[in-house]
Amino acid sequence: MKRYINWLILLTLLISSTFHISAQNINSGEDAITSSDLESYVSFIASPLLKGRMNGDPGLEIAQQFIASQAKLLGLKPAAGGSYFQPFNIKVNPLSGRSL
């Protein structure tokens, strides 16, 4: 399992660095994200490699790190002080045991 997580983190870094290289050549404004960029981002986030993104799953950690790295590359400022991650509480339905 650790080898799988390491492989996914490496893949994420490689994809992220590819986007960073292409992002340096893009002007600001409506050309900031092309349709091919968007397709690449969504394809990675939705890929079977992440095996879902349930709480506690390695896929969630990889997806959130990917999204945070893209926000940083775009020059977005974190909303929560110095972090791109926002704390939240999950409420569980006591009748079904499922998240609300």
PDB file of N, CA and C in Angstrom:
ATOM      1  N   MET A   1       0.823  -1.187   0.000  1.00  0.00           N
ATOM      2  CA  MET A   1       0.000   0.000   0.000  1.00  0.00           C
ATOM      3  C   MET A   1       0.870   1.256   0.000  1.00  0.00           C
ATOM      4  N   LYS A   2       1.968   1.221   0.783  1.00  0.00           N
ATOM      5  CA  LYS A   2       2.856   2.383   0.843  1.00  0.00           C
ATOM      6  C   LYS A   2       3.480   2.631  -0.530  1.00  0.00           C
ATOM      7  N   ARG A   3       3.810   1.561  -1.221  1.00  0.00           N
ATOM      8  CA  ARG A   3       4.398   1.711  -2.553  1.00  0.00           C
ATOM      9  C   ARG A   3       3.394   2.361  -3.507  1.00  0.00           C
ATOM     10  N   TYR A   4       2.126   1.976  -3.379  1.00  0.00           N
ATOM     11  CA  TYR A   4       1.064   2.557  -4.198  1.00  0.00           C
ATOM     12  C   TYR A   4       0.932   4.055  -3.920  1.00  0.00           C
ATOM     13  N   ILE A   5       0.927   4.436  -2.656  1.00  0.00           N
ATOM     14  CA  ILE A   5       0.808   5.847  -2.286  1.00  0.00           C
ATOM     15  C   ILE A   5       2.000   6.639  -2.808  1.00  0.00           C
ATOM     16  N   ASN A   6       3.186   6.093  -2.662  1.00  0.00           N
ATOM     17  CA  ASN A   6       4.386   6.775  -3.171  1.00  0.00           C
ATOM     18  C   ASN A   6       4.309   6.956  -4.681  1.00  0.00           C
ATOM     19  N   TRP A   7       3.801   5.940  -5.382  1.00  0.00           N
ATOM     20  CA  TRP A   7       3.672   6.016  -6.829  1.00  0.00           C
ATOM     21  C   TRP A   7       2.691   7.114  -7.209  1.00  0.00           C
ATOM     22  N   LEU A   8       1.562   7.211  -6.510  1.00  0.00           N
ATOM     23  CA  LEU A   8       0.572   8.237  -6.814  1.00  0.00           C
ATOM     24  C   LEU A   8       1.097   9.640  -6.513  1.00  0.00           C
ATOM     25  N   ILE A   9       1.844   9.773  -5.437  1.00  0.00           N
ATOM     26  CA  ILE A   9       2.421  11.085  -5.113  1.00  0.00           C
ATOM     27  C   ILE A   9       3.416  11.496  -6.201  1.00  0.00           C
ATOM     28  N   LEU A  10       4.227  10.557  -6.656  1.00  0.00           N
ATOM     29  CA  LEU A  10       5.172  10.844  -7.739  1.00  0.00           C
ATOM     30  C   LEU A  10       4.424  11.247  -9.010  1.00  0.00           C
ATOM     31  N   LEU A  11       3.369  10.524  -9.329  1.00  0.00           N
ATOM     32  CA  LEU A  11       2.564  10.856 -10.502  1.00  0.00           C
ATOM     33  C   LEU A  11       1.966  12.254 -10.369  1.00  0.00           C
ATOM     34  N   THR A  12       1.467  12.582  -9.191  1.00  0.00           N
ATOM     35  CA  THR A  12       0.894  13.903  -8.940  1.00  0.00           C
ATOM     36  C   THR A  12       1.932  14.996  -9.140  1.00  0.00           C
ATOM     37  N   LEU A  13       3.123  14.778  -8.625  1.00  0.00           N
ATOM     38  CA  LEU A  13       4.182  15.780  -8.780  1.00  0.00           C
ATOM     39  C   LEU A  13       4.576  15.958 -10.240  1.00  0.00           C
ATOM     40  N   LEU A  14       4.629  14.853 -10.983  1.00  0.00           N
ATOM     41  CA  LEU A  14       4.976  14.953 -12.400  1.00  0.00           C
ATOM     42  C   LEU A  14       3.908  15.718 -13.172  1.00  0.00           C
ATOM     43  N   ILE A  15       2.644  15.403 -12.913  1.00  0.00           N
ATOM     44  CA  ILE A  15       1.562  16.114 -13.583  1.00  0.00           C
ATOM     45  C   ILE A  15       1.579  17.584 -13.192  1.00  0.00           C
ATOM     46  N   SER A  16       1.776  17.838 -11.919  1.00  0.00           N
ATOM     47  CA  SER A  16       1.789  19.204 -11.418  1.00  0.00           C
ATOM     48  C   SER A  16       2.920  20.011 -12.056  1.00  0.00           C
ATOM     49  N   SER A  17       4.084  19.409 -12.184  1.00  0.00           N
ATOM     50  CA  SER A  17       5.202  20.138 -12.781  1.00  0.00           C
ATOM     51  C   SER A  17       4.949  20.397 -14.261  1.00  0.00           C
ATOM     52  N   THR A  18       4.251  19.491 -14.941  1.00  0.00           N
ATOM     53  CA  THR A  18       3.905  19.701 -16.341  1.00  0.00           C
ATOM     54  C   THR A  18       2.969  20.886 -16.480  1.00  0.00           C
ATOM     55  N   PHE A  19       1.962  20.975 -15.590  1.00  0.00           N
ATOM     56  CA  PHE A  19       1.039  22.095 -15.638  1.00  0.00           C
ATOM     57  C   PHE A  19       1.766  23.392 -15.318  1.00  0.00           C
ATOM     58  N   HIS A  20       2.722  23.341 -14.399  1.00  0.00           N
ATOM     59  CA  HIS A  20       3.464  24.538 -14.015  1.00  0.00           C
ATOM     60  C   HIS A  20       4.255  25.071 -15.201  1.00  0.00           C
ATOM     61  N   ILE A  21       4.897  24.195 -15.935  1.00  0.00           N
ATOM     62  CA  ILE A  21       5.682  24.614 -17.095  1.00  0.00           C
ATOM     63  C   ILE A  21       4.783  25.275 -18.127  1.00  0.00           C
ATOM     64  N   SER A  22       3.619  24.658 -18.400  1.00  0.00           N
ATOM     65  CA  SER A  22       2.724  25.246 -19.392  1.00  0.00           C
ATOM     66  C   SER A  22       2.075  26.525 -18.861  1.00  0.00           C
ATOM     67  N   ALA A  23       1.860  26.621 -17.553  1.00  0.00           N
ATOM     68  CA  ALA A  23       1.220  27.803 -16.975  1.00  0.00           C
ATOM     69  C   ALA A  23       2.105  29.039 -17.093  1.00  0.00           C
ATOM     70  N   GLN A  24       3.418  28.856 -17.175  1.00  0.00           N
ATOM     71  CA  GLN A  24       4.317  29.998 -17.270  1.00  0.00           C
ATOM     72  C   GLN A  24       4.178  30.714 -18.600  1.00  0.00           C
ATOM     73  N   ASN A  25       3.671  30.022 -19.616  1.00  0.00           N
ATOM     74  CA  ASN A  25       3.547  30.609 -20.935  1.00  0.00           C
ATOM     75  C   ASN A  25       2.183  31.220 -21.195  1.00  0.00           C
ATOM     76  N   ILE A  26       1.280  31.168 -20.230  1.00  0.00           N
ATOM     77  CA  ILE A  26      -0.083  31.629 -20.430  1.00  0.00           C
ATOM     78  C   ILE A  26      -0.240  33.031 -19.840  1.00  0.00           C
ATOM     79  N   ASN A  27      -0.900  33.897 -20.582  1.00  0.00           N
ATOM     80  CA  ASN A  27      -1.198  35.242 -20.093  1.00  0.00           C
ATOM     81  C   ASN A  27      -2.344  35.175 -19.102  1.00  0.00           C
ATOM     82  N   SER A  28      -2.472  36.222 -18.286  1.00  0.00           N
ATOM     83  CA  SER A  28      -3.582  36.268 -17.344  1.00  0.00           C
ATOM     84  C   SER A  28      -4.877  36.564 -18.091  1.00  0.00           C
ATOM     85  N   GLY A  29      -5.984  36.445 -17.399  1.00  0.00           N
ATOM     86  CA  GLY A  29      -7.279  36.714 -18.011  1.00  0.00           C
ATOM     87  C   GLY A  29      -7.972  35.443 -18.441  1.00  0.00           C
ATOM     88  N   GLU A  30      -8.783  35.559 -19.459  1.00  0.00           N
ATOM     89  CA  GLU A  30      -9.589  34.408 -19.860  1.00  0.00           C
ATOM     90  C   GLU A  30      -8.762  33.287 -20.483  1.00  0.00           C
ATOM     91  N   ASP A  31      -7.526  33.551 -20.843  1.00  0.00           N
ATOM     92  CA  ASP A  31      -6.657  32.501 -21.374  1.00  0.00           C
ATOM     93  C   ASP A  31      -5.898  31.764 -20.272  1.00  0.00           C
ATOM     94  N   ALA A  32      -6.183  32.063 -19.015  1.00  0.00           N
ATOM     95  CA  ALA A  32      -5.434  31.468 -17.907  1.00  0.00           C
ATOM     96  C   ALA A  32      -5.572  29.956 -17.865  1.00  0.00           C
ATOM     97  N   ILE A  33      -6.754  29.436 -18.177  1.00  0.00           N
ATOM     98  CA  ILE A  33      -6.963  27.987 -18.205  1.00  0.00           C
ATOM     99  C   ILE A  33      -7.584  27.638 -19.544  1.00  0.00           C
ATOM    100  N   THR A  34      -6.905  26.792 -20.282  1.00  0.00           N
ATOM    101  CA  THR A  34      -7.440  26.356 -21.571  1.00  0.00           C
ATOM    102  C   THR A  34      -8.349  25.153 -21.365  1.00  0.00           C
ATOM    103  N   SER A  35      -9.105  24.825 -22.397  1.00  0.00           N
ATOM    104  CA  SER A  35      -9.987  23.665 -22.294  1.00  0.00           C
ATOM    105  C   SER A  35      -9.188  22.379 -22.127  1.00  0.00           C
ATOM    106  N   SER A  36      -8.013  22.294 -22.739  1.00  0.00           N
ATOM    107  CA  SER A  36      -7.193  21.088 -22.573  1.00  0.00           C
ATOM    108  C   SER A  36      -6.619  20.997 -21.162  1.00  0.00           C
ATOM    109  N   ASP A  37      -6.278  22.148 -20.560  1.00  0.00           N
ATOM    110  CA  ASP A  37      -5.834  22.162 -19.159  1.00  0.00           C
ATOM    111  C   ASP A  37      -6.952  21.646 -18.257  1.00  0.00           C
ATOM    112  N   LEU A  38      -8.138  22.198 -18.449  1.00  0.00           N
ATOM    113  CA  LEU A  38      -9.275  21.807 -17.628  1.00  0.00           C
ATOM    114  C   LEU A  38      -9.574  20.318 -17.777  1.00  0.00           C
ATOM    115  N   GLU A  39      -9.515  19.826 -18.991  1.00  0.00           N
ATOM    116  CA  GLU A  39      -9.743  18.397 -19.224  1.00  0.00           C
ATOM    117  C   GLU A  39      -8.695  17.557 -18.496  1.00  0.00           C
ATOM    118  N   SER A  40      -7.459  17.993 -18.508  1.00  0.00           N
ATOM    119  CA  SER A  40      -6.390  17.271 -17.805  1.00  0.00           C
ATOM    120  C   SER A  40      -6.621  17.257 -16.304  1.00  0.00           C
ATOM    121  N   TYR A  41      -7.010  18.417 -15.751  1.00  0.00           N
ATOM    122  CA  TYR A  41      -7.243  18.496 -14.308  1.00  0.00           C
ATOM    123  C   TYR A  41      -8.374  17.567 -13.890  1.00  0.00           C
ATOM    124  N   VAL A  42      -9.501  17.663 -14.597  1.00  0.00           N
ATOM    125  CA  VAL A  42     -10.669  16.858 -14.239  1.00  0.00           C
ATOM    126  C   VAL A  42     -10.388  15.371 -14.459  1.00  0.00           C
ATOM    127  N   SER A  43      -9.691  15.049 -15.529  1.00  0.00           N
ATOM    128  CA  SER A  43      -9.359  13.644 -15.793  1.00  0.00           C
ATOM    129  C   SER A  43      -8.509  13.055 -14.676  1.00  0.00           C
ATOM    130  N   PHE A  44      -7.568  13.839 -14.165  1.00  0.00           N
ATOM    131  CA  PHE A  44      -6.731  13.337 -13.074  1.00  0.00           C
ATOM    132  C   PHE A  44      -7.540  13.175 -11.791  1.00  0.00           C
ATOM    133  N   ILE A  45      -8.306  14.202 -11.428  1.00  0.00           N
ATOM    134  CA  ILE A  45      -9.083  14.153 -10.187  1.00  0.00           C
ATOM    135  C   ILE A  45     -10.100  13.015 -10.225  1.00  0.00           C
ATOM    136  N   ALA A  46     -10.689  12.753 -11.389  1.00  0.00           N
ATOM    137  CA  ALA A  46     -11.723  11.721 -11.520  1.00  0.00           C
ATOM    138  C   ALA A  46     -11.146  10.355 -11.895  1.00  0.00           C
ATOM    139  N   SER A  47      -9.839  10.259 -12.033  1.00  0.00           N
ATOM    140  CA  SER A  47      -9.242   9.017 -12.526  1.00  0.00           C
ATOM    141  C   SER A  47      -9.392   7.858 -11.537  1.00  0.00           C
ATOM    142  N   PRO A  48      -9.439   6.653 -12.054  1.00  0.00           N
ATOM    143  CA  PRO A  48      -9.500   5.468 -11.192  1.00  0.00           C
ATOM    144  C   PRO A  48      -8.249   5.302 -10.323  1.00  0.00           C
ATOM    145  N   LEU A  49      -7.160   5.963 -10.685  1.00  0.00           N
ATOM    146  CA  LEU A  49      -5.942   5.868  -9.882  1.00  0.00           C
ATOM    147  C   LEU A  49      -6.162   6.362  -8.454  1.00  0.00           C
ATOM    148  N   LEU A  50      -7.070   7.321  -8.288  1.00  0.00           N
ATOM    149  CA  LEU A  50      -7.317   7.867  -6.957  1.00  0.00           C
ATOM    150  C   LEU A  50      -8.296   7.007  -6.160  1.00  0.00           C
ATOM    151  N   LYS A  51      -8.916   6.047  -6.805  1.00  0.00           N
ATOM    152  CA  LYS A  51      -9.812   5.072  -6.154  1.00  0.00           C
ATOM    153  C   LYS A  51     -10.815   5.742  -5.223  1.00  0.00           C
ATOM    154  N   GLY A  52     -11.476   6.757  -5.705  1.00  0.00           N
ATOM    155  CA  GLY A  52     -12.455   7.460  -4.874  1.00  0.00           C
ATOM    156  C   GLY A  52     -11.753   8.433  -3.951  1.00  0.00           C
ATOM    157  N   ARG A  53     -12.532   9.216  -3.288  1.00  0.00           N
ATOM    158  CA  ARG A  53     -11.955  10.215  -2.410  1.00  0.00           C
ATOM    159  C   ARG A  53     -12.730  10.263  -1.103  1.00  0.00           C
ATOM    160  N   MET A  54     -12.920   9.108  -0.494  1.00  0.00           N
ATOM    161  CA  MET A  54     -13.617   9.036   0.788  1.00  0.00           C
ATOM    162  C   MET A  54     -12.670   9.525   1.893  1.00  0.00           C
ATOM    163  N   ASN A  55     -13.237  10.000   2.986  1.00  0.00           N
ATOM    164  CA  ASN A  55     -12.407  10.459   4.102  1.00  0.00           C
ATOM    165  C   ASN A  55     -11.463   9.355   4.551  1.00  0.00           C
ATOM    166  N   GLY A  56     -10.209   9.710   4.704  1.00  0.00           N
ATOM    167  CA  GLY A  56      -9.204   8.754   5.160  1.00  0.00           C
ATOM    168  C   GLY A  56      -8.548   7.964   4.042  1.00  0.00           C
ATOM    169  N   ASP A  57      -9.065   8.043   2.821  1.00  0.00           N
ATOM    170  CA  ASP A  57      -8.467   7.308   1.702  1.00  0.00           C
ATOM    171  C   ASP A  57      -7.264   8.067   1.141  1.00  0.00           C
ATOM    172  N   PRO A  58      -6.246   7.348   0.675  1.00  0.00           N
ATOM    173  CA  PRO A  58      -5.069   8.020   0.094  1.00  0.00           C
ATOM    174  C   PRO A  58      -5.434   8.884  -1.108  1.00  0.00           C
ATOM    175  N   GLY A  59      -6.452   8.483  -1.868  1.00  0.00           N
ATOM    176  CA  GLY A  59      -6.868   9.258  -3.037  1.00  0.00           C
ATOM    177  C   GLY A  59      -7.316  10.660  -2.680  1.00  0.00           C
ATOM    178  N   LEU A  60      -7.949  10.817  -1.520  1.00  0.00           N
ATOM    179  CA  LEU A  60      -8.393  12.138  -1.077  1.00  0.00           C
ATOM    180  C   LEU A  60      -7.187  13.029  -0.793  1.00  0.00           C
ATOM    181  N   GLU A  61      -6.191  12.485  -0.127  1.00  0.00           N
ATOM    182  CA  GLU A  61      -4.976  13.250   0.183  1.00  0.00           C
ATOM    183  C   GLU A  61      -4.289  13.709  -1.101  1.00  0.00           C
ATOM    184  N   ILE A  62      -4.189  12.821  -2.067  1.00  0.00           N
ATOM    185  CA  ILE A  62      -3.535  13.166  -3.333  1.00  0.00           C
ATOM    186  C   ILE A  62      -4.341  14.229  -4.071  1.00  0.00           C
ATOM    187  N   ALA A  63      -5.666  14.065  -4.118  1.00  0.00           N
ATOM    188  CA  ALA A  63      -6.519  15.033  -4.808  1.00  0.00           C
ATOM    189  C   ALA A  63      -6.418  16.410  -4.153  1.00  0.00           C
ATOM    190  N   GLN A  64      -6.457  16.460  -2.823  1.00  0.00           N
ATOM    191  CA  GLN A  64      -6.412  17.770  -2.169  1.00  0.00           C
ATOM    192  C   GLN A  64      -5.049  18.427  -2.329  1.00  0.00           C
ATOM    193  N   GLN A  65      -3.986  17.665  -2.311  1.00  0.00           N
ATOM    194  CA  GLN A  65      -2.660  18.241  -2.531  1.00  0.00           C
ATOM    195  C   GLN A  65      -2.533  18.763  -3.968  1.00  0.00           C
ATOM    196  N   PHE A  66      -3.110  18.029  -4.910  1.00  0.00           N
ATOM    197  CA  PHE A  66      -3.080  18.449  -6.313  1.00  0.00           C
ATOM    198  C   PHE A  66      -3.817  19.781  -6.485  1.00  0.00           C
ATOM    199  N   ILE A  67      -5.019  19.863  -5.914  1.00  0.00           N
ATOM    200  CA  ILE A  67      -5.816  21.083  -6.041  1.00  0.00           C
ATOM    201  C   ILE A  67      -5.106  22.264  -5.375  1.00  0.00           C
ATOM    202  N   ALA A  68      -4.549  22.046  -4.193  1.00  0.00           N
ATOM    203  CA  ALA A  68      -3.821  23.117  -3.504  1.00  0.00           C
ATOM    204  C   ALA A  68      -2.600  23.558  -4.311  1.00  0.00           C
ATOM    205  N   SER A  69      -1.888  22.613  -4.907  1.00  0.00           N
ATOM    206  CA  SER A  69      -0.704  22.984  -5.694  1.00  0.00           C
ATOM    207  C   SER A  69      -1.096  23.802  -6.921  1.00  0.00           C
ATOM    208  N   GLN A  70      -2.234  23.463  -7.532  1.00  0.00           N
ATOM    209  CA  GLN A  70      -2.686  24.228  -8.694  1.00  0.00           C
ATOM    210  C   GLN A  70      -3.106  25.641  -8.293  1.00  0.00           C
ATOM    211  N   ALA A  71      -3.760  25.774  -7.135  1.00  0.00           N
ATOM    212  CA  ALA A  71      -4.143  27.099  -6.644  1.00  0.00           C
ATOM    213  C   ALA A  71      -2.900  27.949  -6.409  1.00  0.00           C
ATOM    214  N   LYS A  72      -1.880  27.336  -5.832  1.00  0.00           N
ATOM    215  CA  LYS A  72      -0.638  28.057  -5.558  1.00  0.00           C
ATOM    216  C   LYS A  72       0.050  28.476  -6.864  1.00  0.00           C
ATOM    217  N   LEU A  73       0.069  27.559  -7.849  1.00  0.00           N
ATOM    218  CA  LEU A  73       0.686  27.876  -9.140  1.00  0.00           C
ATOM    219  C   LEU A  73      -0.035  29.018  -9.857  1.00  0.00           C
ATOM    220  N   LEU A  74      -1.340  29.100  -9.656  1.00  0.00           N
ATOM    221  CA  LEU A  74      -2.115  30.174 -10.275  1.00  0.00           C
ATOM    222  C   LEU A  74      -1.974  31.497  -9.533  1.00  0.00           C
ATOM    223  N   GLY A  75      -1.306  31.467  -8.380  1.00  0.00           N
ATOM    224  CA  GLY A  75      -1.101  32.681  -7.607  1.00  0.00           C
ATOM    225  C   GLY A  75      -2.266  33.033  -6.704  1.00  0.00           C
ATOM    226  N   LEU A  76      -3.177  32.093  -6.462  1.00  0.00           N
ATOM    227  CA  LEU A  76      -4.301  32.353  -5.566  1.00  0.00           C
ATOM    228  C   LEU A  76      -3.809  32.416  -4.128  1.00  0.00           C
ATOM    229  N   LYS A  77      -4.362  33.307  -3.368  1.00  0.00           N
ATOM    230  CA  LYS A  77      -3.993  33.451  -1.957  1.00  0.00           C
ATOM    231  C   LYS A  77      -4.869  32.534  -1.109  1.00  0.00           C
ATOM    232  N   PRO A  78      -4.288  31.880  -0.102  1.00  0.00           N
ATOM    233  CA  PRO A  78      -5.091  31.028   0.792  1.00  0.00           C
ATOM    234  C   PRO A  78      -6.107  31.855   1.572  1.00  0.00           C
ATOM    235  N   ALA A  79      -7.316  31.306   1.719  1.00  0.00           N
ATOM    236  CA  ALA A  79      -8.376  32.012   2.452  1.00  0.00           C
ATOM    237  C   ALA A  79      -8.233  31.821   3.954  1.00  0.00           C
ATOM    238  N   ALA A  80      -7.574  30.750   4.379  1.00  0.00           N
ATOM    239  CA  ALA A  80      -7.447  30.443   5.812  1.00  0.00           C
ATOM    240  C   ALA A  80      -6.039  30.766   6.291  1.00  0.00           C
ATOM    241  N   GLY A  81      -5.696  32.032   6.308  1.00  0.00           N
ATOM    242  CA  GLY A  81      -4.349  32.408   6.739  1.00  0.00           C
ATOM    243  C   GLY A  81      -3.318  31.938   5.735  1.00  0.00           C
ATOM    244  N   GLY A  82      -2.461  31.007   6.141  1.00  0.00           N
ATOM    245  CA  GLY A  82      -1.416  30.520   5.256  1.00  0.00           C
ATOM    246  C   GLY A  82      -1.721  29.170   4.648  1.00  0.00           C
ATOM    247  N   SER A  83      -2.953  28.679   4.767  1.00  0.00           N
ATOM    248  CA  SER A  83      -3.286  27.337   4.289  1.00  0.00           C
ATOM    249  C   SER A  83      -4.378  27.377   3.230  1.00  0.00           C
ATOM    250  N   TYR A  84      -4.248  26.510   2.245  1.00  0.00           N
ATOM    251  CA  TYR A  84      -5.285  26.362   1.235  1.00  0.00           C
ATOM    252  C   TYR A  84      -6.399  25.429   1.708  1.00  0.00           C
ATOM    253  N   PHE A  85      -6.234  24.811   2.854  1.00  0.00           N
ATOM    254  CA  PHE A  85      -7.195  23.838   3.355  1.00  0.00           C
ATOM    255  C   PHE A  85      -8.115  24.487   4.385  1.00  0.00           C
ATOM    256  N   GLN A  86      -9.406  24.232   4.244  1.00  0.00           N
ATOM    257  CA  GLN A  86     -10.415  24.799   5.129  1.00  0.00           C
ATOM    258  C   GLN A  86     -10.915  23.715   6.081  1.00  0.00           C
ATOM    259  N   PRO A  87     -10.916  23.977   7.379  1.00  0.00           N
ATOM    260  CA  PRO A  87     -11.451  22.984   8.317  1.00  0.00           C
ATOM    261  C   PRO A  87     -12.969  22.884   8.179  1.00  0.00           C
ATOM    262  N   PHE A  88     -13.499  21.707   8.395  1.00  0.00           N
ATOM    263  CA  PHE A  88     -14.943  21.502   8.373  1.00  0.00           C
ATOM    264  C   PHE A  88     -15.297  20.298   9.224  1.00  0.00           C
ATOM    265  N   ASN A  89     -16.539  20.252   9.654  1.00  0.00           N
ATOM    266  CA  ASN A  89     -17.045  19.134  10.440  1.00  0.00           C
ATOM    267  C   ASN A  89     -17.979  18.307   9.570  1.00  0.00           C
ATOM    268  N   ILE A  90     -17.939  17.011   9.758  1.00  0.00           N
ATOM    269  CA  ILE A  90     -18.835  16.106   9.042  1.00  0.00           C
ATOM    270  C   ILE A  90     -19.884  15.621  10.023  1.00  0.00           C
ATOM    271  N   LYS A  91     -21.137  15.809   9.658  1.00  0.00           N
ATOM    272  CA  LYS A  91     -22.222  15.325  10.499  1.00  0.00           C
ATOM    273  C   LYS A  91     -22.699  13.995   9.946  1.00  0.00           C
ATOM    274  N   VAL A  92     -22.916  13.049  10.841  1.00  0.00           N
ATOM    275  CA  VAL A  92     -23.358  11.718  10.438  1.00  0.00           C
ATOM    276  C   VAL A  92     -24.808  11.539  10.832  1.00  0.00           C
ATOM    277  N   ASN A  93     -25.593  11.019   9.895  1.00  0.00           N
ATOM    278  CA  ASN A  93     -26.996  10.714  10.162  1.00  0.00           C
ATOM    279  C   ASN A  93     -27.042   9.518  11.117  1.00  0.00           C
ATOM    280  N   PRO A  94     -27.578   9.685  12.335  1.00  0.00           N
ATOM    281  CA  PRO A  94     -27.564   8.580  13.303  1.00  0.00           C
ATOM    282  C   PRO A  94     -28.420   7.384  12.858  1.00  0.00           C
ATOM    283  N   LEU A  95     -29.368   7.614  11.956  1.00  0.00           N
ATOM    284  CA  LEU A  95     -30.232   6.518  11.509  1.00  0.00           C
ATOM    285  C   LEU A  95     -29.559   5.645  10.459  1.00  0.00           C
ATOM    286  N   SER A  96     -28.792   6.271   9.571  1.00  0.00           N
ATOM    287  CA  SER A  96     -28.169   5.486   8.505  1.00  0.00           C
ATOM    288  C   SER A  96     -26.665   5.316   8.688  1.00  0.00           C
ATOM    289  N   GLY A  97     -26.054   6.143   9.532  1.00  0.00           N
ATOM    290  CA  GLY A  97     -24.603   6.086   9.696  1.00  0.00           C
ATOM    291  C   GLY A  97     -23.856   6.738   8.539  1.00  0.00           C
ATOM    292  N   ARG A  98     -24.565   7.396   7.642  1.00  0.00           N
ATOM    293  CA  ARG A  98     -23.958   8.031   6.480  1.00  0.00           C
ATOM    294  C   ARG A  98     -23.767   9.518   6.727  1.00  0.00           C
ATOM    295  N   SER A  99     -22.796  10.094   6.037  1.00  0.00           N
ATOM    296  CA  SER A  99     -22.554  11.537   6.149  1.00  0.00           C
ATOM    297  C   SER A  99     -23.706  12.298   5.536  1.00  0.00           C
ATOM    298  N   LEU A 100     -24.000  13.457   6.122  1.00  0.00           N
ATOM    299  CA  LEU A 100     -25.067  14.320   5.593  1.00  0.00           C
ATOM    300  C   LEU A 100     -24.490  15.323   4.625  1.00  0.00           C
TER     301      LEU A 100
END
